[in-house]
N, C-alpha and C. Protein backbone atom coordinates (compact mmCIF):
# COMPACT_ATOMS: atom_id res chain seq x y z
N MET A 1 -80.86 35.89 71.24
CA MET A 1 -79.67 35.57 70.47
C MET A 1 -78.78 34.62 71.26
N GLN A 2 -78.37 33.57 70.63
CA GLN A 2 -77.55 32.58 71.32
C GLN A 2 -76.11 33.06 71.48
N ILE A 3 -75.54 32.68 72.62
CA ILE A 3 -74.13 32.98 72.90
C ILE A 3 -73.45 31.70 73.34
N THR A 4 -72.30 31.42 72.73
CA THR A 4 -71.46 30.31 73.19
C THR A 4 -70.36 30.89 74.05
N GLY A 5 -70.08 30.25 75.17
CA GLY A 5 -68.98 30.67 76.03
C GLY A 5 -67.74 29.85 75.75
N LEU A 6 -66.61 30.52 75.60
CA LEU A 6 -65.33 29.85 75.39
C LEU A 6 -64.40 30.19 76.54
N ILE A 7 -63.92 29.18 77.24
CA ILE A 7 -62.95 29.39 78.33
C ILE A 7 -61.56 29.11 77.79
N LEU A 8 -60.71 30.13 77.84
CA LEU A 8 -59.34 30.00 77.35
C LEU A 8 -58.45 29.38 78.43
N ALA A 9 -58.00 28.16 78.17
CA ALA A 9 -57.13 27.46 79.13
C ALA A 9 -55.93 26.85 78.39
N GLY A 10 -55.52 27.49 77.30
CA GLY A 10 -54.49 26.90 76.45
C GLY A 10 -53.11 27.51 76.57
N GLY A 11 -52.91 28.38 77.56
CA GLY A 11 -51.62 29.04 77.70
C GLY A 11 -50.57 28.16 78.35
N ARG A 12 -49.34 28.68 78.41
CA ARG A 12 -48.22 27.93 78.98
C ARG A 12 -48.06 28.10 80.48
N SER A 13 -48.73 29.10 81.06
CA SER A 13 -48.66 29.36 82.51
C SER A 13 -47.23 29.57 82.99
N SER A 14 -46.46 30.33 82.22
CA SER A 14 -45.04 30.50 82.56
C SER A 14 -44.84 31.21 83.90
N ARG A 15 -45.71 32.16 84.25
CA ARG A 15 -45.57 32.86 85.53
C ARG A 15 -46.11 32.04 86.70
N MET A 16 -46.79 30.94 86.38
CA MET A 16 -47.33 30.07 87.42
C MET A 16 -46.46 28.81 87.54
N GLU A 17 -45.18 28.98 87.21
CA GLU A 17 -44.20 27.89 87.30
C GLU A 17 -44.62 26.67 86.47
N GLY A 18 -45.35 26.94 85.37
CA GLY A 18 -45.75 25.86 84.46
C GLY A 18 -47.00 25.10 84.87
N HIS A 19 -47.54 25.38 86.07
CA HIS A 19 -48.77 24.70 86.50
C HIS A 19 -49.94 25.19 85.66
N ASP A 20 -50.81 24.29 85.26
CA ASP A 20 -51.97 24.64 84.46
C ASP A 20 -52.95 25.44 85.32
N LYS A 21 -53.09 26.73 85.03
CA LYS A 21 -53.84 27.63 85.92
C LYS A 21 -55.30 27.20 86.12
N GLY A 22 -55.93 26.75 85.07
CA GLY A 22 -57.33 26.38 85.19
C GLY A 22 -57.58 25.23 86.15
N LEU A 23 -56.57 24.40 86.35
CA LEU A 23 -56.73 23.22 87.20
C LEU A 23 -56.24 23.43 88.63
N LEU A 24 -55.67 24.59 88.92
CA LEU A 24 -55.22 24.88 90.28
C LEU A 24 -56.43 25.08 91.20
N THR A 25 -56.30 24.64 92.43
CA THR A 25 -57.40 24.75 93.39
C THR A 25 -57.44 26.15 94.00
N LEU A 26 -58.62 26.72 94.00
CA LEU A 26 -58.88 28.00 94.66
C LEU A 26 -59.98 27.75 95.68
N VAL A 27 -59.62 27.80 96.94
CA VAL A 27 -60.50 27.50 98.07
C VAL A 27 -61.00 26.05 97.98
N ASP A 28 -62.14 25.81 97.34
CA ASP A 28 -62.74 24.48 97.39
C ASP A 28 -62.87 23.78 96.04
N LYS A 29 -62.45 24.46 94.96
CA LYS A 29 -62.56 23.83 93.63
C LYS A 29 -61.53 24.45 92.68
N SER A 30 -61.40 23.85 91.52
CA SER A 30 -60.42 24.36 90.56
C SER A 30 -60.88 25.72 90.03
N MET A 31 -59.91 26.48 89.54
CA MET A 31 -60.25 27.81 89.02
C MET A 31 -61.24 27.72 87.87
N ILE A 32 -61.08 26.73 87.00
CA ILE A 32 -62.00 26.63 85.86
C ILE A 32 -63.42 26.31 86.34
N GLU A 33 -63.55 25.59 87.45
CA GLU A 33 -64.89 25.32 87.98
C GLU A 33 -65.56 26.61 88.46
N HIS A 34 -64.77 27.51 89.05
CA HIS A 34 -65.32 28.82 89.44
C HIS A 34 -65.81 29.57 88.20
N VAL A 35 -65.00 29.51 87.12
CA VAL A 35 -65.37 30.20 85.88
C VAL A 35 -66.63 29.58 85.28
N ILE A 36 -66.69 28.26 85.22
CA ILE A 36 -67.86 27.56 84.66
C ILE A 36 -69.12 27.94 85.43
N GLU A 37 -69.02 27.98 86.75
CA GLU A 37 -70.16 28.31 87.60
C GLU A 37 -70.74 29.68 87.26
N LYS A 38 -69.85 30.65 87.02
CA LYS A 38 -70.31 32.01 86.70
C LYS A 38 -70.77 32.14 85.24
N LEU A 39 -70.14 31.36 84.35
CA LEU A 39 -70.42 31.48 82.92
C LEU A 39 -71.68 30.73 82.49
N LYS A 40 -71.92 29.57 83.08
CA LYS A 40 -73.00 28.67 82.64
C LYS A 40 -74.37 29.34 82.52
N PRO A 41 -74.80 30.15 83.50
CA PRO A 41 -76.13 30.76 83.36
C PRO A 41 -76.21 31.84 82.27
N GLN A 42 -75.06 32.25 81.74
CA GLN A 42 -75.02 33.36 80.80
C GLN A 42 -74.99 32.93 79.34
N VAL A 43 -74.74 31.63 79.09
CA VAL A 43 -74.53 31.17 77.72
C VAL A 43 -75.34 29.91 77.43
N ASP A 44 -75.45 29.58 76.14
CA ASP A 44 -76.20 28.40 75.72
C ASP A 44 -75.32 27.17 75.56
N GLN A 45 -74.03 27.39 75.44
CA GLN A 45 -73.07 26.30 75.18
C GLN A 45 -71.74 26.74 75.79
N ILE A 46 -70.97 25.79 76.33
CA ILE A 46 -69.63 26.09 76.84
C ILE A 46 -68.62 25.23 76.10
N LEU A 47 -67.53 25.85 75.68
CA LEU A 47 -66.39 25.17 75.07
C LEU A 47 -65.16 25.53 75.88
N ILE A 48 -64.18 24.63 75.92
CA ILE A 48 -62.93 24.89 76.62
C ILE A 48 -61.78 24.77 75.62
N SER A 49 -60.95 25.79 75.56
CA SER A 49 -59.76 25.77 74.71
C SER A 49 -58.58 25.38 75.58
N ALA A 50 -57.96 24.23 75.29
CA ALA A 50 -56.83 23.75 76.10
C ALA A 50 -55.82 23.04 75.19
N ASN A 51 -54.58 23.01 75.63
CA ASN A 51 -53.53 22.34 74.85
C ASN A 51 -52.79 21.26 75.63
N ARG A 52 -53.16 21.07 76.89
CA ARG A 52 -52.58 20.00 77.70
C ARG A 52 -53.60 19.61 78.76
N HIS A 53 -53.34 18.49 79.44
CA HIS A 53 -54.28 17.96 80.45
C HIS A 53 -55.70 17.85 79.88
N ILE A 54 -55.77 17.38 78.64
CA ILE A 54 -57.05 17.33 77.92
C ILE A 54 -58.08 16.49 78.66
N GLU A 55 -57.69 15.32 79.14
CA GLU A 55 -58.65 14.45 79.83
C GLU A 55 -59.20 15.10 81.09
N GLN A 56 -58.34 15.84 81.81
CA GLN A 56 -58.82 16.53 83.01
C GLN A 56 -59.85 17.59 82.64
N TYR A 57 -59.59 18.33 81.57
CA TYR A 57 -60.56 19.35 81.15
C TYR A 57 -61.84 18.70 80.62
N GLN A 58 -61.72 17.56 79.94
CA GLN A 58 -62.92 16.87 79.44
C GLN A 58 -63.80 16.39 80.58
N SER A 59 -63.19 16.12 81.74
CA SER A 59 -63.95 15.60 82.88
C SER A 59 -65.01 16.59 83.40
N PHE A 60 -64.91 17.86 82.98
CA PHE A 60 -65.92 18.84 83.42
C PHE A 60 -67.20 18.75 82.57
N GLY A 61 -67.16 17.92 81.50
CA GLY A 61 -68.36 17.66 80.73
C GLY A 61 -68.60 18.55 79.53
N TYR A 62 -67.59 19.28 79.12
CA TYR A 62 -67.73 20.18 77.96
C TYR A 62 -66.71 19.81 76.89
N GLU A 63 -67.04 20.18 75.65
CA GLU A 63 -66.12 19.90 74.55
C GLU A 63 -64.83 20.69 74.73
N VAL A 64 -63.70 19.99 74.58
CA VAL A 64 -62.39 20.61 74.71
C VAL A 64 -61.77 20.73 73.32
N LEU A 65 -61.34 21.94 72.97
CA LEU A 65 -60.78 22.22 71.65
C LEU A 65 -59.28 22.45 71.77
N LEU A 66 -58.51 21.79 70.94
CA LEU A 66 -57.07 22.00 70.89
C LEU A 66 -56.75 22.97 69.77
N ASP A 67 -55.73 23.81 69.97
CA ASP A 67 -55.29 24.72 68.91
C ASP A 67 -54.85 23.91 67.69
N GLU A 68 -55.02 24.50 66.52
CA GLU A 68 -54.54 23.86 65.29
C GLU A 68 -53.04 24.03 65.15
N TYR A 69 -52.45 24.90 65.95
CA TYR A 69 -51.02 25.19 65.85
C TYR A 69 -50.32 24.64 67.08
N ASP A 70 -49.08 24.22 66.91
CA ASP A 70 -48.35 23.67 68.05
C ASP A 70 -47.30 24.64 68.59
N ASP A 71 -47.42 25.91 68.21
CA ASP A 71 -46.41 26.89 68.64
C ASP A 71 -47.00 27.99 69.51
N PHE A 72 -48.07 27.69 70.23
CA PHE A 72 -48.68 28.62 71.18
C PHE A 72 -48.87 30.02 70.59
N ARG A 73 -49.88 30.17 69.75
CA ARG A 73 -50.14 31.47 69.11
C ARG A 73 -51.06 32.36 69.93
N GLY A 74 -51.32 31.98 71.16
CA GLY A 74 -52.06 32.85 72.05
C GLY A 74 -53.57 32.71 71.95
N PRO A 75 -54.30 33.66 72.57
CA PRO A 75 -55.76 33.58 72.64
C PRO A 75 -56.45 33.49 71.29
N LEU A 76 -55.91 34.17 70.27
CA LEU A 76 -56.56 34.12 68.95
C LEU A 76 -56.66 32.69 68.42
N ALA A 77 -55.66 31.86 68.71
CA ALA A 77 -55.68 30.46 68.25
C ALA A 77 -56.84 29.70 68.91
N GLY A 78 -57.09 29.99 70.18
CA GLY A 78 -58.23 29.37 70.85
C GLY A 78 -59.55 29.92 70.35
N MET A 79 -59.57 31.22 70.08
CA MET A 79 -60.80 31.87 69.64
C MET A 79 -61.23 31.41 68.25
N VAL A 80 -60.25 31.14 67.36
CA VAL A 80 -60.61 30.67 66.02
C VAL A 80 -61.26 29.29 66.10
N ARG A 81 -60.77 28.46 67.03
CA ARG A 81 -61.38 27.14 67.22
C ARG A 81 -62.78 27.28 67.85
N GLY A 82 -62.90 28.22 68.79
CA GLY A 82 -64.19 28.45 69.42
C GLY A 82 -65.24 28.90 68.42
N LEU A 83 -64.87 29.86 67.58
CA LEU A 83 -65.82 30.36 66.57
C LEU A 83 -66.19 29.27 65.57
N SER A 84 -65.23 28.42 65.20
CA SER A 84 -65.52 27.38 64.20
C SER A 84 -66.35 26.23 64.80
N HIS A 85 -66.38 26.10 66.12
CA HIS A 85 -67.17 25.04 66.76
C HIS A 85 -68.45 25.55 67.42
N SER A 86 -68.65 26.84 67.39
CA SER A 86 -69.82 27.44 68.02
C SER A 86 -71.05 27.31 67.13
N ASN A 87 -72.20 27.09 67.75
CA ASN A 87 -73.47 27.06 67.02
C ASN A 87 -74.23 28.37 67.19
N SER A 88 -73.57 29.37 67.75
CA SER A 88 -74.24 30.61 68.12
C SER A 88 -73.81 31.78 67.24
N GLU A 89 -74.58 32.84 67.33
CA GLU A 89 -74.24 34.05 66.60
C GLU A 89 -73.04 34.76 67.23
N TYR A 90 -72.91 34.62 68.57
CA TYR A 90 -71.83 35.29 69.29
C TYR A 90 -71.00 34.30 70.10
N LEU A 91 -69.73 34.65 70.27
CA LEU A 91 -68.82 33.89 71.12
C LEU A 91 -68.36 34.80 72.24
N LEU A 92 -68.60 34.39 73.48
CA LEU A 92 -68.13 35.12 74.65
C LEU A 92 -66.88 34.41 75.16
N THR A 93 -65.76 35.13 75.16
CA THR A 93 -64.49 34.54 75.57
C THR A 93 -64.08 35.04 76.94
N VAL A 94 -63.65 34.10 77.79
CA VAL A 94 -63.15 34.45 79.14
C VAL A 94 -61.93 33.59 79.43
N PRO A 95 -61.00 34.09 80.26
CA PRO A 95 -59.83 33.28 80.62
C PRO A 95 -60.12 32.35 81.79
N CYS A 96 -59.38 31.24 81.85
CA CYS A 96 -59.58 30.28 82.94
C CYS A 96 -59.03 30.79 84.27
N ASP A 97 -58.24 31.88 84.21
CA ASP A 97 -57.63 32.39 85.45
C ASP A 97 -58.33 33.64 85.97
N GLY A 98 -59.60 33.80 85.58
CA GLY A 98 -60.40 34.92 86.07
C GLY A 98 -61.64 34.40 86.78
N PRO A 99 -61.48 33.83 87.97
CA PRO A 99 -62.58 33.13 88.65
C PRO A 99 -63.68 34.01 89.22
N LEU A 100 -63.53 35.33 89.13
CA LEU A 100 -64.54 36.22 89.72
C LEU A 100 -65.43 36.88 88.67
N LEU A 101 -65.44 36.38 87.45
CA LEU A 101 -66.11 37.10 86.38
C LEU A 101 -67.56 37.45 86.72
N PRO A 102 -68.03 38.62 86.24
CA PRO A 102 -69.38 39.09 86.60
C PRO A 102 -70.48 38.22 86.01
N ILE A 103 -71.58 38.12 86.73
CA ILE A 103 -72.70 37.32 86.25
C ILE A 103 -73.51 38.03 85.18
N ASP A 104 -73.22 39.33 84.96
CA ASP A 104 -73.92 40.06 83.89
C ASP A 104 -72.99 40.39 82.73
N LEU A 105 -71.87 39.67 82.63
CA LEU A 105 -70.88 39.94 81.58
C LEU A 105 -71.48 39.82 80.19
N ALA A 106 -72.14 38.70 79.90
CA ALA A 106 -72.70 38.47 78.56
C ALA A 106 -73.74 39.52 78.20
N VAL A 107 -74.64 39.81 79.13
CA VAL A 107 -75.72 40.77 78.87
C VAL A 107 -75.16 42.16 78.56
N LYS A 108 -74.20 42.61 79.36
CA LYS A 108 -73.64 43.95 79.16
C LYS A 108 -72.85 44.04 77.86
N LEU A 109 -72.07 43.00 77.55
CA LEU A 109 -71.29 43.03 76.31
C LEU A 109 -72.20 42.98 75.08
N LEU A 110 -73.21 42.11 75.11
CA LEU A 110 -74.13 42.00 73.98
C LEU A 110 -74.90 43.30 73.79
N ASP A 111 -75.39 43.88 74.87
CA ASP A 111 -76.13 45.14 74.80
C ASP A 111 -75.26 46.23 74.18
N SER A 112 -74.02 46.29 74.59
CA SER A 112 -73.10 47.30 74.07
C SER A 112 -72.81 47.07 72.59
N ALA A 113 -72.58 45.82 72.21
CA ALA A 113 -72.30 45.50 70.80
C ALA A 113 -73.47 45.91 69.91
N GLN A 114 -74.69 45.66 70.38
CA GLN A 114 -75.87 46.00 69.59
C GLN A 114 -76.07 47.51 69.51
N LYS A 115 -75.90 48.20 70.63
CA LYS A 115 -76.08 49.66 70.64
C LYS A 115 -75.04 50.36 69.77
N LYS A 116 -73.80 49.82 69.78
CA LYS A 116 -72.71 50.45 69.02
C LYS A 116 -72.61 49.89 67.60
N SER A 117 -73.46 48.93 67.26
CA SER A 117 -73.44 48.28 65.94
C SER A 117 -72.04 47.81 65.58
N THR A 118 -71.42 47.11 66.50
CA THR A 118 -70.08 46.58 66.25
C THR A 118 -70.09 45.06 66.43
N LYS A 119 -69.18 44.39 65.76
CA LYS A 119 -69.13 42.92 65.82
C LYS A 119 -68.20 42.41 66.92
N ALA A 120 -67.49 43.32 67.60
CA ALA A 120 -66.58 42.90 68.66
C ALA A 120 -66.53 43.94 69.77
N VAL A 121 -66.62 43.47 71.00
CA VAL A 121 -66.48 44.34 72.18
C VAL A 121 -65.60 43.62 73.19
N PHE A 122 -64.95 44.40 74.05
CA PHE A 122 -64.11 43.81 75.10
C PHE A 122 -64.23 44.65 76.36
N VAL A 123 -63.76 44.11 77.46
CA VAL A 123 -63.89 44.75 78.77
C VAL A 123 -62.79 45.78 79.00
N PHE A 124 -63.20 46.91 79.57
CA PHE A 124 -62.27 47.89 80.13
C PHE A 124 -62.63 47.99 81.60
N ASP A 125 -61.67 47.69 82.50
CA ASP A 125 -62.00 47.62 83.93
C ASP A 125 -61.87 48.96 84.66
N GLY A 126 -61.68 50.04 83.91
CA GLY A 126 -61.53 51.35 84.52
C GLY A 126 -60.08 51.79 84.57
N LYS A 127 -59.19 50.80 84.48
CA LYS A 127 -57.76 51.10 84.47
C LYS A 127 -57.06 50.43 83.30
N TYR A 128 -57.43 49.18 83.04
CA TYR A 128 -56.77 48.40 81.99
C TYR A 128 -57.79 47.84 81.00
N LYS A 129 -57.35 47.67 79.75
CA LYS A 129 -58.11 46.90 78.78
C LYS A 129 -57.94 45.43 79.15
N GLN A 130 -59.03 44.68 79.05
CA GLN A 130 -59.02 43.25 79.37
C GLN A 130 -59.48 42.49 78.11
N PRO A 131 -58.61 42.39 77.11
CA PRO A 131 -59.04 41.85 75.82
C PRO A 131 -59.47 40.38 75.83
N THR A 132 -59.02 39.58 76.81
CA THR A 132 -59.45 38.18 76.81
C THR A 132 -60.89 38.01 77.28
N TYR A 133 -61.47 39.07 77.82
CA TYR A 133 -62.91 39.09 78.12
C TYR A 133 -63.56 39.83 76.96
N ASN A 134 -64.08 39.09 75.99
CA ASN A 134 -64.64 39.75 74.82
C ASN A 134 -65.85 39.00 74.28
N LEU A 135 -66.59 39.70 73.43
CA LEU A 135 -67.73 39.11 72.73
C LEU A 135 -67.53 39.36 71.25
N LEU A 136 -67.55 38.28 70.46
CA LEU A 136 -67.29 38.37 69.03
C LEU A 136 -68.46 37.82 68.24
N HIS A 137 -68.78 38.49 67.15
CA HIS A 137 -69.80 37.98 66.23
C HIS A 137 -69.17 36.88 65.37
N SER A 138 -69.96 35.90 65.00
CA SER A 138 -69.45 34.76 64.22
C SER A 138 -68.86 35.19 62.87
N ASP A 139 -69.28 36.34 62.36
CA ASP A 139 -68.74 36.84 61.09
C ASP A 139 -67.23 37.10 61.14
N LEU A 140 -66.66 37.17 62.34
CA LEU A 140 -65.24 37.52 62.49
C LEU A 140 -64.30 36.32 62.36
N LEU A 141 -64.84 35.14 62.13
CA LEU A 141 -64.00 33.94 62.01
C LEU A 141 -62.93 34.09 60.95
N LYS A 142 -63.32 34.52 59.75
CA LYS A 142 -62.36 34.66 58.65
C LYS A 142 -61.24 35.64 59.00
N SER A 143 -61.58 36.73 59.66
CA SER A 143 -60.59 37.73 60.02
C SER A 143 -59.52 37.15 60.96
N ILE A 144 -59.96 36.34 61.93
CA ILE A 144 -58.99 35.72 62.85
C ILE A 144 -58.13 34.71 62.10
N GLU A 145 -58.75 33.92 61.22
CA GLU A 145 -57.98 32.95 60.43
C GLU A 145 -56.89 33.65 59.63
N GLN A 146 -57.24 34.75 58.99
CA GLN A 146 -56.26 35.49 58.19
C GLN A 146 -55.14 36.05 59.06
N SER A 147 -55.49 36.55 60.23
CA SER A 147 -54.50 37.11 61.14
C SER A 147 -53.49 36.02 61.55
N LEU A 148 -53.98 34.85 61.90
CA LEU A 148 -53.10 33.76 62.32
C LEU A 148 -52.25 33.25 61.16
N GLU A 149 -52.82 33.21 59.96
CA GLU A 149 -52.05 32.79 58.78
C GLU A 149 -50.89 33.74 58.51
N HIS A 150 -51.08 35.01 58.84
CA HIS A 150 -50.03 36.02 58.63
C HIS A 150 -49.13 36.19 59.86
N GLN A 151 -49.22 35.22 60.79
CA GLN A 151 -48.37 35.23 62.00
C GLN A 151 -48.61 36.46 62.89
N GLU A 152 -49.82 37.01 62.82
CA GLU A 152 -50.18 38.14 63.68
C GLU A 152 -51.02 37.59 64.82
N HIS A 153 -50.42 37.56 66.02
CA HIS A 153 -51.06 36.88 67.14
C HIS A 153 -51.56 37.79 68.24
N LYS A 154 -51.36 39.08 68.13
CA LYS A 154 -51.69 40.01 69.21
C LYS A 154 -53.21 40.25 69.27
N LEU A 155 -53.82 39.78 70.33
CA LEU A 155 -55.27 39.90 70.48
C LEU A 155 -55.72 41.35 70.54
N GLY A 156 -55.06 42.18 71.34
CA GLY A 156 -55.45 43.58 71.46
C GLY A 156 -55.41 44.30 70.13
N LYS A 157 -54.38 44.06 69.35
CA LYS A 157 -54.24 44.70 68.03
C LYS A 157 -55.35 44.21 67.10
N TRP A 158 -55.60 42.89 67.11
CA TRP A 158 -56.64 42.34 66.25
C TRP A 158 -58.01 42.95 66.59
N LEU A 159 -58.31 43.08 67.86
CA LEU A 159 -59.59 43.66 68.27
C LEU A 159 -59.73 45.08 67.73
N LEU A 160 -58.70 45.90 67.90
CA LEU A 160 -58.76 47.29 67.43
C LEU A 160 -58.83 47.35 65.91
N ASP A 161 -58.08 46.48 65.23
CA ASP A 161 -58.12 46.44 63.76
C ASP A 161 -59.50 46.07 63.24
N ASN A 162 -60.28 45.38 64.06
CA ASN A 162 -61.62 44.95 63.65
C ASN A 162 -62.73 45.79 64.27
N GLY A 163 -62.37 47.00 64.68
CA GLY A 163 -63.38 47.95 65.16
C GLY A 163 -64.00 47.63 66.50
N ALA A 164 -63.30 46.86 67.32
CA ALA A 164 -63.85 46.50 68.63
C ALA A 164 -63.96 47.72 69.53
N CYS A 165 -65.00 47.74 70.33
CA CYS A 165 -65.22 48.84 71.28
C CYS A 165 -65.03 48.33 72.71
N ALA A 166 -64.48 49.19 73.54
CA ALA A 166 -64.32 48.86 74.95
C ALA A 166 -65.64 49.09 75.68
N VAL A 167 -65.96 48.23 76.62
CA VAL A 167 -67.17 48.36 77.43
C VAL A 167 -66.73 48.60 78.88
N ASP A 168 -67.26 49.65 79.47
CA ASP A 168 -66.83 50.09 80.79
C ASP A 168 -67.39 49.20 81.90
N PHE A 169 -66.49 48.51 82.58
CA PHE A 169 -66.85 47.70 83.74
C PHE A 169 -66.13 48.22 84.98
N SER A 170 -65.85 49.52 85.01
CA SER A 170 -65.07 50.07 86.12
C SER A 170 -65.76 49.88 87.47
N ALA A 171 -67.08 49.78 87.48
CA ALA A 171 -67.81 49.55 88.73
C ALA A 171 -67.60 48.12 89.25
N GLN A 172 -67.06 47.24 88.40
CA GLN A 172 -66.85 45.84 88.78
C GLN A 172 -65.39 45.43 88.54
N LYS A 173 -64.46 46.38 88.69
CA LYS A 173 -63.08 46.12 88.27
C LYS A 173 -62.45 44.90 88.96
N ASN A 174 -62.83 44.61 90.19
CA ASN A 174 -62.25 43.46 90.89
C ASN A 174 -62.68 42.12 90.28
N ALA A 175 -63.74 42.14 89.49
CA ALA A 175 -64.23 40.91 88.86
C ALA A 175 -63.27 40.40 87.79
N PHE A 176 -62.33 41.24 87.37
CA PHE A 176 -61.43 40.86 86.29
C PHE A 176 -60.01 40.60 86.78
N LEU A 177 -59.91 40.31 88.06
CA LEU A 177 -58.63 39.95 88.64
C LEU A 177 -58.15 38.65 88.01
N ASN A 178 -56.96 38.67 87.44
CA ASN A 178 -56.39 37.46 86.85
C ASN A 178 -55.35 36.89 87.81
N VAL A 179 -55.36 35.58 87.93
CA VAL A 179 -54.41 34.88 88.80
C VAL A 179 -53.25 34.43 87.93
N ASN A 180 -52.12 35.13 88.02
CA ASN A 180 -50.98 34.84 87.16
C ASN A 180 -49.80 34.19 87.88
N THR A 181 -49.71 34.37 89.20
CA THR A 181 -48.57 33.85 89.95
C THR A 181 -49.07 33.08 91.18
N PRO A 182 -48.21 32.25 91.77
CA PRO A 182 -48.62 31.55 93.01
C PRO A 182 -49.05 32.53 94.09
N LYS A 183 -48.39 33.70 94.17
CA LYS A 183 -48.77 34.69 95.19
C LYS A 183 -50.17 35.23 94.92
N ASP A 184 -50.50 35.49 93.64
CA ASP A 184 -51.86 35.94 93.29
C ASP A 184 -52.90 34.93 93.79
N LEU A 185 -52.60 33.65 93.57
CA LEU A 185 -53.54 32.59 93.97
C LEU A 185 -53.72 32.58 95.48
N GLN A 186 -52.63 32.70 96.20
CA GLN A 186 -52.68 32.71 97.66
C GLN A 186 -53.47 33.90 98.19
N LEU A 187 -53.22 35.08 97.63
CA LEU A 187 -53.90 36.29 98.08
C LEU A 187 -55.40 36.21 97.80
N LEU A 188 -55.75 35.70 96.63
CA LEU A 188 -57.17 35.58 96.30
C LEU A 188 -57.87 34.57 97.19
N ALA A 189 -57.20 33.46 97.45
CA ALA A 189 -57.79 32.45 98.34
C ALA A 189 -58.04 33.04 99.72
N GLU A 190 -57.08 33.82 100.23
CA GLU A 190 -57.24 34.46 101.54
C GLU A 190 -58.41 35.45 101.52
N ALA A 191 -58.53 36.20 100.45
CA ALA A 191 -59.61 37.19 100.34
C ALA A 191 -60.98 36.51 100.28
N LEU A 192 -61.07 35.40 99.58
CA LEU A 192 -62.34 34.69 99.44
C LEU A 192 -62.76 34.00 100.73
N GLN A 193 -61.76 33.62 101.56
CA GLN A 193 -62.09 32.95 102.82
C GLN A 193 -62.36 33.97 103.89
């Protein structure tokens, strides 16, 4: 079964002093390059959801999708574009600020979705729900479109409303570390070196 990977890089980065998180350097390359490196072997196609620095994101060689809305409606706005541009049965969504993502993310999420007969699954790291790490069936496109049309932008709520199941990644909880502040970036860089 084909899986398209969507990297969410369309946020405002307010806690990162407005710097585009995906383009910030972590050790030797940008954060999005770390994500691409881990995601590429797991998927058949990669798409990037971004709303600024479009040319810089295009330079990585993948199609860059802009939200249809100009009022920052969050991850769902990127996911609706990803689903509408995907050629696959499933869309695997990951954030650009999670450079440590597991190399078995797609396999574990797909296996869980099939075993539970559900069209949506997301990561639970043992302590927190991580809704931006999710796998969605293409059938869910209409549901996201309707949610956005009704000004309902909460990803976690949408996932639960659509019967999404949490998948336990507690054994790999550090893989879902998100870099939200300059201090987070500094600490992660120190840990990786």
